[in-house]
N, C-alpha and C. Protein backbone atom coordinates (compact mmCIF):
# COMPACT_ATOMS: atom_id res chain seq x y z
N PRO A 1 84.85 79.99 101.69
CA PRO A 1 84.65 81.13 100.80
C PRO A 1 83.16 81.47 100.66
N SER A 2 82.93 82.73 100.45
CA SER A 2 81.55 83.18 100.28
C SER A 2 81.00 82.72 98.93
N PRO A 3 79.68 82.70 98.78
CA PRO A 3 79.09 82.30 97.49
C PRO A 3 79.58 83.19 96.34
N PHE A 4 79.78 84.48 96.63
CA PHE A 4 80.26 85.39 95.59
C PHE A 4 81.67 85.01 95.14
N GLU A 5 82.53 84.65 96.09
CA GLU A 5 83.90 84.26 95.75
C GLU A 5 83.91 82.97 94.94
N ALA A 6 83.03 82.03 95.29
CA ALA A 6 82.96 80.77 94.55
C ALA A 6 82.50 81.01 93.11
N ILE A 7 81.53 81.86 92.93
CA ILE A 7 81.05 82.19 91.58
C ILE A 7 82.15 82.89 90.79
N ARG A 8 82.83 83.81 91.43
CA ARG A 8 83.92 84.53 90.76
C ARG A 8 85.03 83.57 90.34
N PHE A 9 85.39 82.64 91.23
CA PHE A 9 86.43 81.67 90.92
C PHE A 9 86.01 80.81 89.73
N ARG A 10 84.77 80.33 89.74
CA ARG A 10 84.30 79.50 88.62
C ARG A 10 84.27 80.29 87.31
N TRP A 11 83.88 81.55 87.39
CA TRP A 11 83.85 82.39 86.19
C TRP A 11 85.26 82.57 85.63
N GLU A 12 86.24 82.86 86.50
CA GLU A 12 87.61 83.06 86.05
C GLU A 12 88.17 81.77 85.44
N LEU A 13 87.88 80.63 86.08
CA LEU A 13 88.34 79.36 85.55
C LEU A 13 87.72 79.08 84.18
N TRP A 14 86.41 79.30 84.05
CA TRP A 14 85.74 79.10 82.77
C TRP A 14 86.31 80.04 81.71
N ASN A 15 86.56 81.28 82.07
CA ASN A 15 87.10 82.26 81.14
C ASN A 15 88.48 81.83 80.64
N ARG A 16 89.34 81.36 81.55
CA ARG A 16 90.67 80.89 81.14
C ARG A 16 90.56 79.67 80.23
N GLN A 17 89.67 78.76 80.56
CA GLN A 17 89.51 77.55 79.75
C GLN A 17 89.03 77.89 78.34
N THR A 18 88.07 78.78 78.24
CA THR A 18 87.58 79.14 76.91
C THR A 18 88.63 79.92 76.13
N THR A 19 89.44 80.70 76.82
CA THR A 19 90.52 81.43 76.15
C THR A 19 91.54 80.45 75.58
N VAL A 20 91.91 79.44 76.35
CA VAL A 20 92.87 78.43 75.87
C VAL A 20 92.28 77.68 74.68
N PHE A 21 91.02 77.32 74.75
CA PHE A 21 90.36 76.63 73.64
C PHE A 21 90.35 77.51 72.39
N TYR A 22 90.05 78.79 72.56
CA TYR A 22 90.03 79.73 71.44
C TYR A 22 91.41 79.84 70.80
N ILE A 23 92.44 79.92 71.62
CA ILE A 23 93.81 80.02 71.11
C ILE A 23 94.14 78.78 70.28
N ALA A 24 93.87 77.60 70.84
CA ALA A 24 94.17 76.35 70.13
C ALA A 24 93.39 76.26 68.83
N LEU A 25 92.11 76.62 68.86
CA LEU A 25 91.29 76.55 67.65
C LEU A 25 91.79 77.52 66.59
N ARG A 26 92.12 78.72 66.99
CA ARG A 26 92.59 79.70 66.01
C ARG A 26 93.91 79.26 65.37
N LEU A 27 94.83 78.74 66.17
CA LEU A 27 96.10 78.26 65.61
C LEU A 27 95.88 77.06 64.68
N PHE A 28 95.01 76.15 65.10
CA PHE A 28 94.71 74.98 64.27
C PHE A 28 94.13 75.39 62.92
N LEU A 29 93.15 76.30 62.95
CA LEU A 29 92.52 76.74 61.71
C LEU A 29 93.50 77.51 60.83
N SER A 30 94.38 78.28 61.43
CA SER A 30 95.38 79.01 60.67
C SER A 30 96.31 78.05 59.93
N ILE A 31 96.72 76.99 60.61
CA ILE A 31 97.60 75.99 59.98
C ILE A 31 96.85 75.25 58.87
N LYS A 32 95.61 74.89 59.11
CA LYS A 32 94.83 74.20 58.08
C LYS A 32 94.61 75.08 56.85
N MET A 33 94.36 76.37 57.06
CA MET A 33 94.20 77.30 55.94
C MET A 33 95.50 77.41 55.14
N THR A 34 96.61 77.44 55.84
CA THR A 34 97.91 77.53 55.16
C THR A 34 98.17 76.26 54.35
N GLN A 35 97.84 75.11 54.92
CA GLN A 35 97.98 73.87 54.18
C GLN A 35 97.13 73.90 52.91
N TRP A 36 95.90 74.39 53.04
CA TRP A 36 95.01 74.46 51.88
C TRP A 36 95.59 75.40 50.82
N LYS A 37 96.08 76.57 51.25
CA LYS A 37 96.68 77.52 50.29
C LYS A 37 97.85 76.89 49.57
N CYS A 38 98.70 76.20 50.31
CA CYS A 38 99.88 75.58 49.69
C CYS A 38 99.48 74.46 48.73
N ASN A 39 98.43 73.75 49.04
CA ASN A 39 97.96 72.69 48.15
C ASN A 39 97.40 73.25 46.85
N GLN A 40 96.96 74.50 46.85
CA GLN A 40 96.44 75.14 45.65
C GLN A 40 97.56 75.55 44.69
N LEU A 41 98.77 75.70 45.23
CA LEU A 41 99.91 76.08 44.40
C LEU A 41 100.50 74.84 43.75
N SER A 42 101.24 75.06 42.68
CA SER A 42 101.91 73.93 42.06
C SER A 42 103.06 73.47 42.95
N MET A 43 103.39 72.21 42.86
CA MET A 43 104.46 71.65 43.69
C MET A 43 105.82 72.25 43.36
N ASP A 44 105.96 72.82 42.17
CA ASP A 44 107.23 73.41 41.75
C ASP A 44 107.49 74.76 42.40
N ASP A 45 106.47 75.36 42.95
CA ASP A 45 106.58 76.70 43.51
C ASP A 45 106.89 76.64 45.01
N GLU A 46 108.05 76.05 45.34
CA GLU A 46 108.43 75.86 46.74
C GLU A 46 108.71 77.18 47.43
N GLU A 47 109.23 78.16 46.71
CA GLU A 47 109.52 79.45 47.32
C GLU A 47 108.24 80.14 47.79
N ALA A 48 107.20 80.08 46.99
CA ALA A 48 105.93 80.69 47.38
C ALA A 48 105.34 79.97 48.58
N GLN A 49 105.43 78.65 48.60
CA GLN A 49 104.93 77.89 49.74
C GLN A 49 105.70 78.23 51.01
N GLU A 50 107.00 78.33 50.88
CA GLU A 50 107.83 78.68 52.04
C GLU A 50 107.48 80.07 52.57
N GLU A 51 107.24 80.99 51.67
CA GLU A 51 106.86 82.35 52.08
C GLU A 51 105.51 82.34 52.80
N ILE A 52 104.57 81.57 52.29
CA ILE A 52 103.26 81.48 52.94
C ILE A 52 103.41 80.90 54.35
N TRP A 53 104.21 79.83 54.49
CA TRP A 53 104.42 79.24 55.81
C TRP A 53 105.13 80.21 56.75
N ASN A 54 106.13 80.92 56.25
CA ASN A 54 106.84 81.88 57.10
C ASN A 54 105.91 82.97 57.61
N GLU A 55 105.03 83.47 56.75
CA GLU A 55 104.06 84.49 57.17
C GLU A 55 103.11 83.93 58.23
N THR A 56 102.66 82.70 58.02
CA THR A 56 101.75 82.07 58.98
C THR A 56 102.43 81.87 60.33
N HIS A 57 103.67 81.37 60.31
CA HIS A 57 104.39 81.15 61.56
C HIS A 57 104.63 82.46 62.31
N GLU A 58 104.98 83.50 61.58
CA GLU A 58 105.23 84.80 62.22
C GLU A 58 103.94 85.36 62.84
N LYS A 59 102.85 85.29 62.08
CA LYS A 59 101.57 85.78 62.58
C LYS A 59 101.11 84.99 63.80
N ASN A 60 101.22 83.66 63.72
CA ASN A 60 100.80 82.82 64.84
C ASN A 60 101.68 83.00 66.07
N ALA A 61 102.97 83.20 65.86
CA ALA A 61 103.89 83.40 66.98
C ALA A 61 103.54 84.69 67.74
N LYS A 62 103.29 85.76 67.02
CA LYS A 62 102.92 87.03 67.67
C LYS A 62 101.61 86.88 68.43
N PHE A 63 100.64 86.21 67.82
CA PHE A 63 99.36 85.99 68.48
C PHE A 63 99.53 85.16 69.75
N LEU A 64 100.29 84.07 69.64
CA LEU A 64 100.47 83.17 70.77
C LEU A 64 101.21 83.84 71.92
N VAL A 65 102.24 84.60 71.61
CA VAL A 65 102.99 85.30 72.67
C VAL A 65 102.08 86.25 73.42
N SER A 66 101.29 87.03 72.70
CA SER A 66 100.42 87.99 73.39
C SER A 66 99.39 87.27 74.26
N LYS A 67 98.85 86.16 73.79
CA LYS A 67 97.85 85.43 74.57
C LYS A 67 98.48 84.72 75.77
N LEU A 68 99.67 84.15 75.61
CA LEU A 68 100.33 83.48 76.74
C LEU A 68 100.68 84.48 77.83
N ILE A 69 101.11 85.67 77.43
CA ILE A 69 101.42 86.70 78.42
C ILE A 69 100.16 87.12 79.17
N SER A 70 99.05 87.24 78.46
CA SER A 70 97.81 87.65 79.12
C SER A 70 97.28 86.57 80.07
N LEU A 71 97.58 85.29 79.79
CA LEU A 71 97.13 84.21 80.66
C LEU A 71 98.03 84.04 81.89
N GLN A 72 99.25 84.50 81.80
CA GLN A 72 100.22 84.49 82.90
C GLN A 72 100.54 83.09 83.41
N GLY A 73 101.26 83.06 84.51
CA GLY A 73 101.57 81.84 85.24
C GLY A 73 102.17 80.73 84.42
N LEU A 74 101.55 79.58 84.52
CA LEU A 74 102.04 78.37 83.87
C LEU A 74 102.17 78.57 82.36
N TRP A 75 101.29 79.34 81.77
CA TRP A 75 101.31 79.53 80.32
C TRP A 75 102.54 80.27 79.87
N VAL A 76 103.04 81.20 80.68
CA VAL A 76 104.28 81.90 80.35
C VAL A 76 105.43 80.89 80.36
N LYS A 77 105.46 80.03 81.35
CA LYS A 77 106.51 79.00 81.43
C LYS A 77 106.41 78.05 80.24
N LEU A 78 105.20 77.68 79.86
CA LEU A 78 105.02 76.82 78.69
C LEU A 78 105.56 77.52 77.44
N GLY A 79 105.25 78.79 77.28
CA GLY A 79 105.76 79.56 76.14
C GLY A 79 107.27 79.63 76.13
N GLN A 80 107.88 79.82 77.29
CA GLN A 80 109.34 79.85 77.38
C GLN A 80 109.92 78.50 76.99
N PHE A 81 109.30 77.43 77.45
CA PHE A 81 109.76 76.09 77.11
C PHE A 81 109.67 75.85 75.61
N LEU A 82 108.52 76.19 75.01
CA LEU A 82 108.33 75.98 73.58
C LEU A 82 109.29 76.81 72.74
N SER A 83 109.57 78.02 73.18
CA SER A 83 110.45 78.88 72.39
C SER A 83 111.90 78.42 72.44
N SER A 84 112.25 77.63 73.44
CA SER A 84 113.63 77.15 73.54
C SER A 84 113.86 75.89 72.72
N ARG A 85 112.83 75.36 72.12
CA ARG A 85 112.95 74.10 71.35
C ARG A 85 113.09 74.39 69.90
């Protein structure tokens, strides 16, 4: 391969890796924020906690689906596997 192709390949690989890291970090922080919000509520308010978790799961699912589709390939298969569980 030409030097240009090698640079392009490395750039695409780096871009995919940083995208995957960003996705994981964003999901992790979203879950931690939800845990913090639920800890601020009283333990008796289970309905409010459940609503907060449902909103978080819905938001994260939409985000994850869009990102997995944009990454294509193996990530789509991973998303299909996770959604079947």
